[in-house]
Protein backbone atom coordinates (compact mmCIF):
# COMPACT_ATOMS: atom_id res chain seq x y z
CA MET A 1 184.51 -2.53 123.21
CA ASN A 2 183.43 -5.26 120.83
CA SER A 3 180.12 -5.86 122.60
CA LEU A 4 179.40 -2.11 122.68
CA ASP A 5 180.13 -1.78 118.98
CA ALA A 6 177.94 -4.78 118.21
CA LEU A 7 175.10 -3.30 120.29
CA ARG A 8 175.41 0.08 118.54
CA SER A 9 175.44 -1.62 115.16
CA ALA A 10 172.34 -3.64 116.07
CA ILE A 11 170.46 -0.55 117.29
CA ILE A 12 171.44 1.44 114.19
CA GLY A 13 170.43 -1.49 111.96
CA ILE A 14 167.05 -1.80 113.67
CA ALA A 15 166.47 1.96 113.38
CA ILE A 16 167.31 1.85 109.66
CA LEU A 17 164.96 -1.11 109.14
CA ILE A 18 162.12 0.69 110.93
CA GLY A 19 162.72 3.81 108.84
CA LEU A 20 162.73 1.79 105.62
CA PHE A 21 159.56 0.01 106.67
CA PHE A 22 157.69 3.29 107.13
CA LEU A 23 159.12 4.72 103.91
CA PHE A 24 158.10 1.72 101.81
CA ARG A 25 154.74 1.51 103.59
CA ASN A 26 153.91 5.07 102.55
CA ILE A 27 155.04 4.38 98.99
CA VAL A 28 152.88 1.25 98.76
CA LEU A 29 149.87 3.05 100.23
CA TRP A 30 150.33 5.93 97.79
CA TYR A 31 150.85 3.64 94.78
CA PHE A 32 147.76 1.54 95.40
CA LYS A 33 145.72 4.60 96.53
CA ILE A 34 144.71 2.78 99.70
CA ASP A 35 144.35 6.00 101.69
CA GLN A 36 141.89 7.39 99.12
CA ILE A 37 139.98 4.11 99.06
CA VAL A 38 139.57 4.23 102.84
CA LYS A 39 138.36 7.86 102.72
CA ASN A 40 135.83 6.98 100.02
CA GLN A 41 134.55 4.02 102.03
CA GLU A 42 134.11 6.22 105.09
CA LYS A 43 132.09 8.69 102.99
CA GLN A 44 129.96 5.85 101.61
CA ILE A 45 129.27 4.53 105.09
CA SER A 46 128.11 7.94 106.33
CA GLN A 47 125.93 8.48 103.27
CA MET A 48 124.38 5.04 103.64
CA GLY A 49 123.60 5.83 107.27
CA LYS A 50 121.80 9.00 106.21
CA GLN A 51 119.87 7.07 103.57
CA LEU A 52 118.89 4.44 106.12
CA ASP A 53 117.59 7.12 108.48
CA CYS A 54 115.51 8.66 105.70
CA LEU A 55 114.13 5.28 104.65
CA GLU A 56 113.19 4.44 108.23
CA GLN A 57 111.32 7.75 108.53
CA ILE A 58 109.52 7.10 105.25
CA CYS A 59 108.54 3.59 106.34
CA GLU A 60 107.34 4.84 109.73
CA ASN A 61 105.25 7.51 108.02
CA LEU A 62 103.75 4.93 105.68
CA VAL A 63 102.93 2.57 108.52
CA TYR A 64 101.48 5.40 110.59
CA SER A 65 99.36 6.71 107.72
CA SER A 66 98.07 3.24 106.82
CA LYS A 67 97.19 2.52 110.44
CA LYS A 68 95.57 5.93 110.73
CA GLU A 69 93.29 5.12 107.83
CA THR A 70 92.31 1.74 109.23
CA ASN A 71 92.17 2.79 112.86
CA LYS A 72 89.37 5.24 113.60
CA GLU A 73 90.86 6.20 116.95
CA ASN A 74 93.85 7.80 115.21
CA LYS A 75 96.26 6.70 117.91
CA PRO A 76 99.93 6.70 116.78
CA THR A 77 101.92 3.59 117.54
CA ASN A 78 105.57 3.50 118.47
CA GLN A 79 106.24 0.35 116.47
CA SER A 80 108.81 0.64 113.75
CA PHE A 81 108.23 -0.64 110.25
CA TRP A 82 110.41 -3.72 110.73
CA GLU A 83 108.68 -4.97 113.89
CA GLU A 84 105.43 -5.82 112.15
């Protein structure tokens, strides 16, 4: 009976420690606003991706229009702005 009681006590103790860990983890995340910081960073990353796409299109249009003016054949090239 002693080994069974010790095993039960150990399992209950581990369960309580795991529960306390998750409770204090949520409190710390809430206090330092880490969850909101992560959401804001994800929004920033998506917005920066959209901005990058727009800038790449603008640069490609500029390269295409400048080559169109210098090239009398008016053939579009598939080179991106950064490859030049």
